[in-house]
């Protein structure tokens, strides 16, 4: 694994250098190690991973600048927890930089949460193939309502026996990422 310093912090880079780029935006409560098994599976599928050590205070414009610093023009984006919120923003606001989106447990920011709160009513729809992976405690109604904010192929994967994605569902999450990253 290689550590690269960019303006938004440290990025852990690993996997085949000639593979497609998968950028992982972890939730603030997670560490890079929480994605080790997911990344290993992605490497075995020929994908290179870029895992941000922290997304604290990083906005969509700053992340795009970091992708430029890493010479990543076209990426597969993965987000979890508040990293999912950032992933939605980047995919929605930077068409042409994201080729697919996989998020764990979070609906599009313009969808009202269970309490009626909307994170960002101005967030545009995404126009890339998108998957939302849900664990047992995630709100299915919001995930399915997100479909109207995805102008490409959209799917929801429900893992009823899993409480926490990715720690309890690394194989399932990696599978969804591989499916989305394959040009078929």
N, C-alpha and C. Protein backbone atom coordinates (compact mmCIF):
# COMPACT_ATOMS: atom_id res chain seq x y z
N UNK A 1 0.84 -1.18 0.00
CA UNK A 1 0.00 0.00 0.00
C UNK A 1 0.88 1.24 0.00
N UNK A 2 0.45 2.21 -0.73
CA UNK A 2 1.16 3.48 -0.82
C UNK A 2 0.29 4.58 -0.20
N UNK A 3 0.92 5.46 0.55
CA UNK A 3 0.21 6.60 1.11
C UNK A 3 0.55 7.83 0.29
N UNK A 4 -0.48 8.54 -0.14
CA UNK A 4 -0.27 9.78 -0.89
C UNK A 4 -0.93 10.92 -0.15
N UNK A 5 -0.23 12.02 -0.07
CA UNK A 5 -0.75 13.22 0.59
C UNK A 5 -1.30 14.14 -0.48
N UNK A 6 -2.56 14.51 -0.32
CA UNK A 6 -3.21 15.47 -1.21
C UNK A 6 -3.82 16.56 -0.34
N UNK A 7 -4.38 17.58 -0.97
CA UNK A 7 -4.88 18.72 -0.20
C UNK A 7 -5.95 18.36 0.82
N UNK A 8 -6.71 17.29 0.57
CA UNK A 8 -7.79 16.92 1.51
C UNK A 8 -7.31 15.94 2.57
N UNK A 9 -6.05 15.51 2.51
CA UNK A 9 -5.52 14.59 3.52
C UNK A 9 -4.74 13.45 2.90
N UNK A 10 -4.72 12.33 3.62
CA UNK A 10 -3.96 11.16 3.20
C UNK A 10 -4.88 10.18 2.49
N UNK A 11 -4.37 9.63 1.38
CA UNK A 11 -5.10 8.63 0.61
C UNK A 11 -4.28 7.35 0.60
N UNK A 12 -4.92 6.24 0.93
CA UNK A 12 -4.28 4.93 0.89
C UNK A 12 -4.54 4.32 -0.48
N UNK A 13 -3.47 4.09 -1.24
CA UNK A 13 -3.58 3.59 -2.61
C UNK A 13 -3.04 2.17 -2.65
N UNK A 14 -3.81 1.26 -3.22
CA UNK A 14 -3.34 -0.12 -3.36
C UNK A 14 -4.06 -0.79 -4.52
N UNK A 15 -3.52 -1.93 -4.92
CA UNK A 15 -4.11 -2.69 -6.02
C UNK A 15 -3.37 -2.46 -7.31
N UNK A 16 -3.80 -3.13 -8.36
CA UNK A 16 -3.11 -3.04 -9.66
C UNK A 16 -3.19 -1.64 -10.25
N UNK A 17 -2.04 -1.10 -10.60
CA UNK A 17 -1.96 0.27 -11.12
C UNK A 17 -2.70 0.44 -12.45
N UNK A 18 -2.88 -0.64 -13.19
CA UNK A 18 -3.56 -0.53 -14.48
C UNK A 18 -5.06 -0.84 -14.37
N UNK A 19 -5.55 -1.01 -13.14
CA UNK A 19 -6.97 -1.32 -12.95
C UNK A 19 -7.81 -0.06 -12.87
N UNK A 20 -9.10 -0.21 -12.99
CA UNK A 20 -10.01 0.91 -12.83
C UNK A 20 -9.88 1.48 -11.43
N UNK A 21 -10.10 2.77 -11.29
CA UNK A 21 -9.93 3.45 -10.00
C UNK A 21 -11.24 3.46 -9.22
N UNK A 22 -11.16 2.94 -7.99
CA UNK A 22 -12.30 2.96 -7.06
C UNK A 22 -11.91 3.87 -5.91
N UNK A 23 -12.66 4.95 -5.74
CA UNK A 23 -12.41 5.90 -4.65
C UNK A 23 -13.41 5.61 -3.55
N UNK A 24 -12.87 5.31 -2.36
CA UNK A 24 -13.71 4.97 -1.20
C UNK A 24 -13.73 6.15 -0.24
N UNK A 25 -14.94 6.61 0.09
CA UNK A 25 -15.14 7.70 1.02
C UNK A 25 -15.76 7.12 2.30
N UNK A 26 -14.91 6.85 3.29
CA UNK A 26 -15.42 6.21 4.51
C UNK A 26 -16.19 7.18 5.38
N UNK A 27 -17.06 6.63 6.18
CA UNK A 27 -17.75 7.44 7.17
C UNK A 27 -16.76 7.90 8.22
N UNK A 28 -17.07 9.02 8.87
CA UNK A 28 -16.14 9.58 9.85
C UNK A 28 -15.94 8.66 11.05
N UNK A 29 -16.84 7.73 11.29
CA UNK A 29 -16.70 6.80 12.40
C UNK A 29 -15.91 5.55 12.02
N UNK A 30 -15.43 5.48 10.80
CA UNK A 30 -14.71 4.30 10.31
C UNK A 30 -13.24 4.62 10.06
N UNK A 31 -12.45 3.57 10.02
CA UNK A 31 -11.03 3.72 9.68
C UNK A 31 -10.78 3.05 8.34
N UNK A 32 -9.63 3.30 7.79
CA UNK A 32 -9.24 2.67 6.53
C UNK A 32 -9.26 1.15 6.68
N UNK A 33 -8.89 0.66 7.85
CA UNK A 33 -8.86 -0.78 8.10
C UNK A 33 -10.22 -1.44 7.95
N UNK A 34 -11.29 -0.68 8.16
CA UNK A 34 -12.64 -1.23 8.01
C UNK A 34 -12.94 -1.64 6.57
N UNK A 35 -12.14 -1.15 5.64
CA UNK A 35 -12.35 -1.43 4.22
C UNK A 35 -11.31 -2.40 3.65
N UNK A 36 -10.45 -2.95 4.51
CA UNK A 36 -9.37 -3.82 4.06
C UNK A 36 -9.87 -5.01 3.26
N UNK A 37 -10.88 -5.70 3.78
CA UNK A 37 -11.40 -6.87 3.08
C UNK A 37 -12.08 -6.49 1.77
N UNK A 38 -12.82 -5.39 1.78
CA UNK A 38 -13.46 -4.92 0.54
C UNK A 38 -12.37 -4.62 -0.50
N UNK A 39 -11.33 -3.89 -0.09
CA UNK A 39 -10.26 -3.52 -1.02
C UNK A 39 -9.54 -4.75 -1.55
N UNK A 40 -9.28 -5.72 -0.70
CA UNK A 40 -8.60 -6.94 -1.15
C UNK A 40 -9.42 -7.64 -2.23
N UNK A 41 -10.71 -7.70 -2.03
CA UNK A 41 -11.58 -8.32 -3.03
C UNK A 41 -11.58 -7.52 -4.33
N UNK A 42 -11.55 -6.20 -4.22
CA UNK A 42 -11.51 -5.36 -5.42
C UNK A 42 -10.19 -5.54 -6.16
N UNK A 43 -9.09 -5.65 -5.43
CA UNK A 43 -7.77 -5.87 -6.05
C UNK A 43 -7.78 -7.20 -6.81
N UNK A 44 -8.38 -8.24 -6.22
CA UNK A 44 -8.47 -9.54 -6.88
C UNK A 44 -9.31 -9.48 -8.15
N UNK A 45 -10.14 -8.46 -8.26
CA UNK A 45 -10.96 -8.25 -9.46
C UNK A 45 -10.31 -7.28 -10.43
N UNK A 46 -9.06 -6.89 -10.15
CA UNK A 46 -8.31 -6.03 -11.07
C UNK A 46 -8.54 -4.54 -10.88
N UNK A 47 -9.08 -4.14 -9.74
CA UNK A 47 -9.36 -2.72 -9.50
C UNK A 47 -8.35 -2.13 -8.52
N UNK A 48 -8.00 -0.89 -8.73
CA UNK A 48 -7.12 -0.15 -7.83
C UNK A 48 -7.99 0.67 -6.88
N UNK A 49 -7.61 0.71 -5.60
CA UNK A 49 -8.42 1.43 -4.62
C UNK A 49 -7.69 2.65 -4.08
N UNK A 50 -8.46 3.69 -3.83
CA UNK A 50 -7.99 4.95 -3.24
C UNK A 50 -8.94 5.23 -2.07
N UNK A 51 -8.46 5.01 -0.85
CA UNK A 51 -9.30 5.17 0.33
C UNK A 51 -8.84 6.40 1.09
N UNK A 52 -9.73 7.38 1.22
CA UNK A 52 -9.39 8.57 1.99
C UNK A 52 -9.34 8.22 3.47
N UNK A 53 -8.32 8.71 4.14
CA UNK A 53 -8.18 8.44 5.56
C UNK A 53 -9.28 9.13 6.36
N UNK A 54 -9.67 10.31 5.91
CA UNK A 54 -10.73 11.06 6.58
C UNK A 54 -11.42 11.97 5.57
N UNK A 55 -12.72 12.12 5.71
CA UNK A 55 -13.44 13.05 4.83
C UNK A 55 -13.92 14.27 5.58
N UNK A 56 -13.50 14.40 6.83
CA UNK A 56 -13.93 15.53 7.65
C UNK A 56 -13.66 16.87 6.99
N UNK A 57 -14.70 17.66 6.78
CA UNK A 57 -14.57 18.99 6.19
C UNK A 57 -14.34 19.01 4.69
N UNK A 58 -14.42 17.86 4.03
CA UNK A 58 -14.18 17.80 2.58
C UNK A 58 -15.51 17.98 1.85
N UNK A 59 -15.54 18.93 0.94
CA UNK A 59 -16.71 19.14 0.10
C UNK A 59 -16.49 18.57 -1.29
N UNK A 60 -17.51 18.62 -2.12
CA UNK A 60 -17.41 18.01 -3.45
C UNK A 60 -16.36 18.67 -4.33
N UNK A 61 -16.20 19.98 -4.26
CA UNK A 61 -15.17 20.66 -5.07
C UNK A 61 -13.77 20.26 -4.62
N UNK A 62 -13.56 20.17 -3.31
CA UNK A 62 -12.24 19.77 -2.78
C UNK A 62 -11.91 18.33 -3.18
N UNK A 63 -12.92 17.48 -3.18
CA UNK A 63 -12.66 16.10 -3.58
C UNK A 63 -12.28 16.02 -5.05
N UNK A 64 -12.94 16.78 -5.89
CA UNK A 64 -12.59 16.81 -7.31
C UNK A 64 -11.15 17.31 -7.49
N UNK A 65 -10.75 18.32 -6.73
CA UNK A 65 -9.36 18.82 -6.78
C UNK A 65 -8.39 17.71 -6.36
N UNK A 66 -8.77 16.93 -5.35
CA UNK A 66 -7.91 15.83 -4.90
C UNK A 66 -7.80 14.76 -5.99
N UNK A 67 -8.90 14.47 -6.68
CA UNK A 67 -8.85 13.51 -7.78
C UNK A 67 -7.91 14.01 -8.88
N UNK A 68 -7.93 15.31 -9.15
CA UNK A 68 -7.00 15.89 -10.11
C UNK A 68 -5.55 15.70 -9.66
N UNK A 69 -5.30 15.93 -8.36
CA UNK A 69 -3.95 15.74 -7.82
C UNK A 69 -3.49 14.29 -7.98
N UNK A 70 -4.42 13.37 -7.87
CA UNK A 70 -4.10 11.95 -8.01
C UNK A 70 -4.11 11.48 -9.46
N UNK A 71 -4.37 12.41 -10.39
CA UNK A 71 -4.47 12.12 -11.82
C UNK A 71 -5.57 11.10 -12.12
N UNK A 72 -6.68 11.22 -11.41
CA UNK A 72 -7.83 10.35 -11.62
C UNK A 72 -8.91 11.13 -12.35
N UNK A 73 -9.06 10.85 -13.60
CA UNK A 73 -10.05 11.57 -14.41
C UNK A 73 -11.45 10.94 -14.30
N UNK A 74 -11.50 9.63 -14.18
CA UNK A 74 -12.76 8.89 -14.24
C UNK A 74 -12.73 7.85 -13.13
N UNK A 75 -13.67 7.87 -12.19
CA UNK A 75 -13.61 6.98 -11.03
C UNK A 75 -14.94 6.29 -10.76
N UNK A 76 -14.84 5.18 -10.06
CA UNK A 76 -15.99 4.51 -9.48
C UNK A 76 -16.01 4.98 -8.03
N UNK A 77 -17.11 5.50 -7.57
CA UNK A 77 -17.18 6.13 -6.27
C UNK A 77 -17.98 5.28 -5.29
N UNK A 78 -17.43 5.12 -4.08
CA UNK A 78 -18.06 4.33 -3.03
C UNK A 78 -18.13 5.19 -1.78
N UNK A 79 -19.29 5.25 -1.15
CA UNK A 79 -19.43 6.04 0.07
C UNK A 79 -20.20 5.30 1.14
N UNK A 80 -19.81 5.59 2.38
CA UNK A 80 -20.45 4.96 3.53
C UNK A 80 -20.69 6.03 4.58
N UNK A 81 -21.86 6.03 5.20
CA UNK A 81 -22.21 6.98 6.25
C UNK A 81 -22.09 8.41 5.71
N UNK A 82 -21.38 9.33 6.39
CA UNK A 82 -21.26 10.68 5.85
C UNK A 82 -20.41 10.70 4.58
N UNK A 83 -19.62 9.67 4.36
CA UNK A 83 -18.91 9.52 3.08
C UNK A 83 -19.88 9.28 1.94
N UNK A 84 -21.01 8.63 2.25
CA UNK A 84 -22.06 8.42 1.24
C UNK A 84 -22.67 9.75 0.84
N UNK A 85 -22.88 10.62 1.82
CA UNK A 85 -23.44 11.94 1.52
C UNK A 85 -22.52 12.71 0.56
N UNK A 86 -21.21 12.64 0.82
CA UNK A 86 -20.24 13.30 -0.07
C UNK A 86 -20.24 12.63 -1.45
N UNK A 87 -20.33 11.31 -1.47
CA UNK A 87 -20.34 10.58 -2.75
C UNK A 87 -21.53 11.01 -3.61
N UNK A 88 -22.72 11.12 -2.98
CA UNK A 88 -23.90 11.59 -3.73
C UNK A 88 -23.64 12.97 -4.33
N UNK A 89 -23.07 13.88 -3.54
CA UNK A 89 -22.82 15.25 -4.01
C UNK A 89 -21.85 15.25 -5.21
N UNK A 90 -20.78 14.48 -5.09
CA UNK A 90 -19.79 14.44 -6.17
C UNK A 90 -20.41 13.85 -7.43
N UNK A 91 -21.10 12.73 -7.30
CA UNK A 91 -21.70 12.09 -8.47
C UNK A 91 -22.76 12.98 -9.11
N UNK A 92 -23.52 13.70 -8.30
CA UNK A 92 -24.59 14.55 -8.82
C UNK A 92 -24.07 15.84 -9.46
N UNK A 93 -23.00 16.38 -8.93
CA UNK A 93 -22.54 17.71 -9.36
C UNK A 93 -21.36 17.68 -10.33
N UNK A 94 -20.79 16.51 -10.56
CA UNK A 94 -19.61 16.43 -11.42
C UNK A 94 -19.77 15.31 -12.44
N UNK A 95 -20.81 15.46 -13.26
CA UNK A 95 -21.06 14.49 -14.33
C UNK A 95 -19.81 14.42 -15.22
N UNK A 96 -19.43 13.24 -15.57
CA UNK A 96 -18.25 13.07 -16.41
C UNK A 96 -17.01 12.71 -15.61
N UNK A 97 -17.08 12.75 -14.30
CA UNK A 97 -15.94 12.36 -13.46
C UNK A 97 -16.21 11.04 -12.75
N UNK A 98 -17.47 10.69 -12.60
CA UNK A 98 -17.86 9.48 -11.87
C UNK A 98 -18.54 8.53 -12.85
N UNK A 99 -18.04 7.30 -12.90
CA UNK A 99 -18.64 6.34 -13.83
C UNK A 99 -19.65 5.42 -13.17
N UNK A 100 -19.57 5.27 -11.84
CA UNK A 100 -20.58 4.50 -11.12
C UNK A 100 -20.55 4.93 -9.66
N UNK A 101 -21.64 4.62 -8.97
CA UNK A 101 -21.78 5.03 -7.56
C UNK A 101 -22.37 3.87 -6.77
N UNK A 102 -21.71 3.54 -5.65
CA UNK A 102 -22.23 2.55 -4.71
C UNK A 102 -22.19 3.20 -3.33
N UNK A 103 -23.33 3.26 -2.66
CA UNK A 103 -23.38 3.85 -1.32
C UNK A 103 -23.98 2.84 -0.35
N UNK A 104 -23.50 2.91 0.87
CA UNK A 104 -23.99 2.02 1.92
C UNK A 104 -24.96 2.77 2.82
N UNK A 105 -26.22 2.41 2.74
CA UNK A 105 -27.21 2.84 3.71
C UNK A 105 -27.68 4.28 3.68
N UNK A 106 -27.36 5.04 2.65
CA UNK A 106 -27.78 6.45 2.64
C UNK A 106 -28.50 6.80 1.35
N UNK A 107 -29.63 7.45 1.52
CA UNK A 107 -30.42 7.90 0.38
C UNK A 107 -29.82 9.18 -0.21
N UNK A 108 -30.30 9.55 -1.37
CA UNK A 108 -29.92 10.80 -2.03
C UNK A 108 -30.20 11.96 -1.08
N UNK A 109 -29.34 12.99 -1.04
CA UNK A 109 -29.53 14.11 -0.11
C UNK A 109 -30.83 14.88 -0.25
N UNK A 110 -31.50 14.80 -1.41
CA UNK A 110 -32.76 15.51 -1.59
C UNK A 110 -33.97 14.71 -1.10
N UNK A 111 -33.76 13.49 -0.65
CA UNK A 111 -34.84 12.66 -0.13
C UNK A 111 -34.98 12.91 1.37
N UNK A 112 -36.21 13.13 1.81
CA UNK A 112 -36.46 13.38 3.23
C UNK A 112 -36.18 12.13 4.05
N UNK A 113 -35.51 12.34 5.18
CA UNK A 113 -35.24 11.24 6.10
C UNK A 113 -36.50 10.84 6.84
N UNK A 114 -36.39 9.83 7.69
CA UNK A 114 -37.54 9.34 8.45
C UNK A 114 -38.16 10.45 9.30
N UNK A 115 -37.33 11.41 9.72
CA UNK A 115 -37.84 12.52 10.54
C UNK A 115 -38.31 13.71 9.70
N UNK A 116 -38.28 13.56 8.37
CA UNK A 116 -38.71 14.62 7.46
C UNK A 116 -37.62 15.61 7.07
N UNK A 117 -36.43 15.46 7.62
CA UNK A 117 -35.33 16.37 7.32
C UNK A 117 -34.71 16.05 5.96
N UNK A 118 -34.47 17.08 5.17
CA UNK A 118 -33.81 16.94 3.88
C UNK A 118 -32.41 17.54 4.02
N UNK A 119 -31.38 16.74 3.70
CA UNK A 119 -30.00 17.22 3.83
C UNK A 119 -29.69 18.34 2.85
N UNK A 120 -30.12 18.17 1.57
CA UNK A 120 -29.80 19.16 0.55
C UNK A 120 -30.83 19.09 -0.57
N UNK A 121 -31.84 19.92 -0.48
CA UNK A 121 -32.92 19.92 -1.48
C UNK A 121 -32.43 20.36 -2.85
N UNK A 122 -31.27 21.03 -2.92
CA UNK A 122 -30.74 21.51 -4.20
C UNK A 122 -29.83 20.50 -4.89
N UNK A 123 -29.58 19.37 -4.27
CA UNK A 123 -28.68 18.38 -4.87
C UNK A 123 -29.33 17.81 -6.13
N UNK A 124 -28.64 17.91 -7.27
CA UNK A 124 -29.20 17.37 -8.51
C UNK A 124 -29.29 15.85 -8.48
N UNK A 125 -30.00 15.30 -9.43
CA UNK A 125 -30.05 13.85 -9.58
C UNK A 125 -28.70 13.35 -10.11
N UNK A 126 -28.39 12.09 -9.84
CA UNK A 126 -27.18 11.49 -10.40
C UNK A 126 -27.54 10.89 -11.75
N UNK A 127 -26.55 10.85 -12.64
CA UNK A 127 -26.77 10.30 -13.98
C UNK A 127 -25.80 9.17 -14.26
N UNK A 128 -25.50 8.38 -13.25
CA UNK A 128 -24.63 7.23 -13.40
C UNK A 128 -25.30 6.02 -12.76
N UNK A 129 -24.89 4.84 -13.17
CA UNK A 129 -25.41 3.61 -12.59
C UNK A 129 -25.13 3.64 -11.09
N UNK A 130 -26.16 3.39 -10.29
CA UNK A 130 -26.07 3.58 -8.84
C UNK A 130 -26.67 2.39 -8.09
N UNK A 131 -26.00 2.02 -7.00
CA UNK A 131 -26.51 0.98 -6.11
C UNK A 131 -26.48 1.49 -4.68
N UNK A 132 -27.57 1.27 -3.96
CA UNK A 132 -27.61 1.53 -2.52
C UNK A 132 -27.66 0.17 -1.83
N UNK A 133 -26.69 -0.07 -0.94
CA UNK A 133 -26.62 -1.32 -0.18
C UNK A 133 -27.14 -1.03 1.22
N UNK A 134 -28.17 -1.77 1.63
CA UNK A 134 -28.82 -1.53 2.92
C UNK A 134 -28.57 -2.67 3.91
N UNK A 135 -28.25 -2.31 5.13
CA UNK A 135 -28.20 -3.27 6.22
C UNK A 135 -29.57 -3.32 6.90
N UNK A 136 -29.67 -4.11 7.93
CA UNK A 136 -30.93 -4.34 8.63
C UNK A 136 -31.57 -3.05 9.16
N UNK A 137 -30.80 -2.14 9.72
CA UNK A 137 -31.37 -0.95 10.34
C UNK A 137 -31.57 0.23 9.41
N UNK A 138 -31.15 0.11 8.16
CA UNK A 138 -31.27 1.24 7.23
C UNK A 138 -32.71 1.40 6.75
N UNK A 139 -33.09 2.64 6.45
CA UNK A 139 -34.45 2.94 6.07
C UNK A 139 -34.70 2.64 4.59
N UNK A 140 -35.50 1.63 4.35
CA UNK A 140 -35.78 1.20 2.99
C UNK A 140 -36.62 2.21 2.22
N UNK A 141 -37.55 2.87 2.89
CA UNK A 141 -38.42 3.83 2.20
C UNK A 141 -37.60 4.93 1.53
N UNK A 142 -36.60 5.45 2.23
CA UNK A 142 -35.76 6.50 1.65
C UNK A 142 -34.92 5.96 0.49
N UNK A 143 -34.42 4.74 0.64
CA UNK A 143 -33.62 4.15 -0.43
C UNK A 143 -34.44 3.99 -1.71
N UNK A 144 -35.67 3.51 -1.57
CA UNK A 144 -36.50 3.35 -2.76
C UNK A 144 -36.97 4.70 -3.31
N UNK A 145 -37.20 5.68 -2.45
CA UNK A 145 -37.57 7.02 -2.91
C UNK A 145 -36.41 7.67 -3.67
N UNK A 146 -35.21 7.25 -3.41
CA UNK A 146 -34.03 7.78 -4.10
C UNK A 146 -34.07 7.49 -5.60
N UNK A 147 -34.77 6.46 -6.00
CA UNK A 147 -34.84 6.09 -7.41
C UNK A 147 -35.24 7.23 -8.32
N UNK A 148 -36.05 8.15 -7.83
CA UNK A 148 -36.45 9.28 -8.68
C UNK A 148 -35.35 10.33 -8.81
N UNK A 149 -34.25 10.14 -8.07
CA UNK A 149 -33.09 11.04 -8.16
C UNK A 149 -31.91 10.35 -8.83
N UNK A 150 -32.16 9.26 -9.50
CA UNK A 150 -31.12 8.52 -10.23
C UNK A 150 -31.60 8.34 -11.66
N UNK A 151 -30.97 9.07 -12.58
CA UNK A 151 -31.39 9.05 -13.99
C UNK A 151 -30.59 8.05 -14.79
N UNK A 152 -30.29 6.94 -14.21
CA UNK A 152 -29.60 5.85 -14.88
C UNK A 152 -30.08 4.58 -14.20
N UNK A 153 -29.44 3.49 -14.48
CA UNK A 153 -29.84 2.23 -13.85
C UNK A 153 -29.63 2.35 -12.34
N UNK A 154 -30.64 2.00 -11.56
CA UNK A 154 -30.61 2.16 -10.11
C UNK A 154 -31.09 0.88 -9.46
N UNK A 155 -30.38 0.45 -8.41
CA UNK A 155 -30.84 -0.73 -7.69
C UNK A 155 -30.57 -0.60 -6.21
N UNK A 156 -31.40 -1.27 -5.44
CA UNK A 156 -31.26 -1.33 -4.00
C UNK A 156 -30.99 -2.78 -3.64
N UNK A 157 -29.95 -3.00 -2.85
CA UNK A 157 -29.61 -4.34 -2.39
C UNK A 157 -29.88 -4.38 -0.89
N UNK A 158 -30.79 -5.25 -0.48
CA UNK A 158 -31.17 -5.36 0.93
C UNK A 158 -30.48 -6.57 1.56
N UNK A 159 -29.73 -6.31 2.62
CA UNK A 159 -29.03 -7.37 3.35
C UNK A 159 -29.68 -7.48 4.73
N UNK A 160 -30.73 -8.25 4.83
CA UNK A 160 -31.52 -8.35 6.06
C UNK A 160 -30.77 -8.94 7.24
N UNK A 161 -29.74 -9.72 6.99
CA UNK A 161 -29.01 -10.35 8.07
C UNK A 161 -27.77 -9.57 8.50
N UNK A 162 -27.60 -8.37 7.97
CA UNK A 162 -26.41 -7.56 8.22
C UNK A 162 -26.80 -6.28 8.95
N UNK A 163 -26.11 -5.99 10.04
CA UNK A 163 -26.35 -4.74 10.75
C UNK A 163 -25.50 -3.60 10.19
N UNK A 164 -24.25 -3.89 9.86
CA UNK A 164 -23.32 -2.84 9.46
C UNK A 164 -22.60 -3.19 8.17
N UNK A 165 -22.80 -2.36 7.16
CA UNK A 165 -22.05 -2.46 5.92
C UNK A 165 -20.96 -1.40 6.05
N UNK A 166 -19.69 -1.64 5.82
CA UNK A 166 -19.08 -2.79 5.19
C UNK A 166 -18.56 -3.87 6.14
N UNK A 167 -18.46 -3.60 7.43
CA UNK A 167 -17.76 -4.53 8.32
C UNK A 167 -18.37 -5.93 8.33
N UNK A 168 -19.68 -6.06 8.21
CA UNK A 168 -20.31 -7.37 8.21
C UNK A 168 -20.68 -7.86 6.82
N UNK A 169 -20.43 -7.06 5.81
CA UNK A 169 -20.85 -7.43 4.46
C UNK A 169 -19.81 -7.01 3.42
N UNK A 170 -18.54 -7.28 3.71
CA UNK A 170 -17.47 -6.89 2.78
C UNK A 170 -17.64 -7.56 1.42
N UNK A 171 -17.96 -8.84 1.43
CA UNK A 171 -18.10 -9.56 0.16
C UNK A 171 -19.24 -8.99 -0.67
N UNK A 172 -20.36 -8.71 -0.03
CA UNK A 172 -21.52 -8.19 -0.75
C UNK A 172 -21.24 -6.79 -1.30
N UNK A 173 -20.60 -5.94 -0.48
CA UNK A 173 -20.28 -4.59 -0.94
C UNK A 173 -19.29 -4.64 -2.10
N UNK A 174 -18.25 -5.46 -1.97
CA UNK A 174 -17.26 -5.59 -3.05
C UNK A 174 -17.91 -6.10 -4.33
N UNK A 175 -18.83 -7.04 -4.20
CA UNK A 175 -19.52 -7.57 -5.38
C UNK A 175 -20.28 -6.47 -6.11
N UNK A 176 -20.99 -5.62 -5.36
CA UNK A 176 -21.73 -4.53 -5.99
C UNK A 176 -20.80 -3.54 -6.68
N UNK A 177 -19.66 -3.28 -6.07
CA UNK A 177 -18.68 -2.36 -6.68
C UNK A 177 -18.14 -2.96 -7.97
N UNK A 178 -17.78 -4.24 -7.94
CA UNK A 178 -17.27 -4.90 -9.15
C UNK A 178 -18.32 -4.90 -10.25
N UNK A 179 -19.57 -5.20 -9.90
CA UNK A 179 -20.63 -5.18 -10.90
C UNK A 179 -20.78 -3.82 -11.54
N UNK A 180 -20.71 -2.76 -10.73
CA UNK A 180 -20.85 -1.40 -11.26
C UNK A 180 -19.62 -0.95 -12.06
N UNK A 181 -18.45 -1.49 -11.72
CA UNK A 181 -17.24 -1.02 -12.40
C UNK A 181 -16.94 -1.76 -13.69
N UNK A 182 -17.66 -2.83 -13.94
CA UNK A 182 -17.39 -3.63 -15.13
C UNK A 182 -18.12 -3.02 -16.33
N UNK A 183 -17.42 -2.79 -17.42
CA UNK A 183 -18.06 -2.15 -18.59
C UNK A 183 -18.97 -3.09 -19.37
N UNK A 184 -18.99 -4.36 -19.06
CA UNK A 184 -19.79 -5.37 -19.73
C UNK A 184 -19.86 -5.13 -21.20
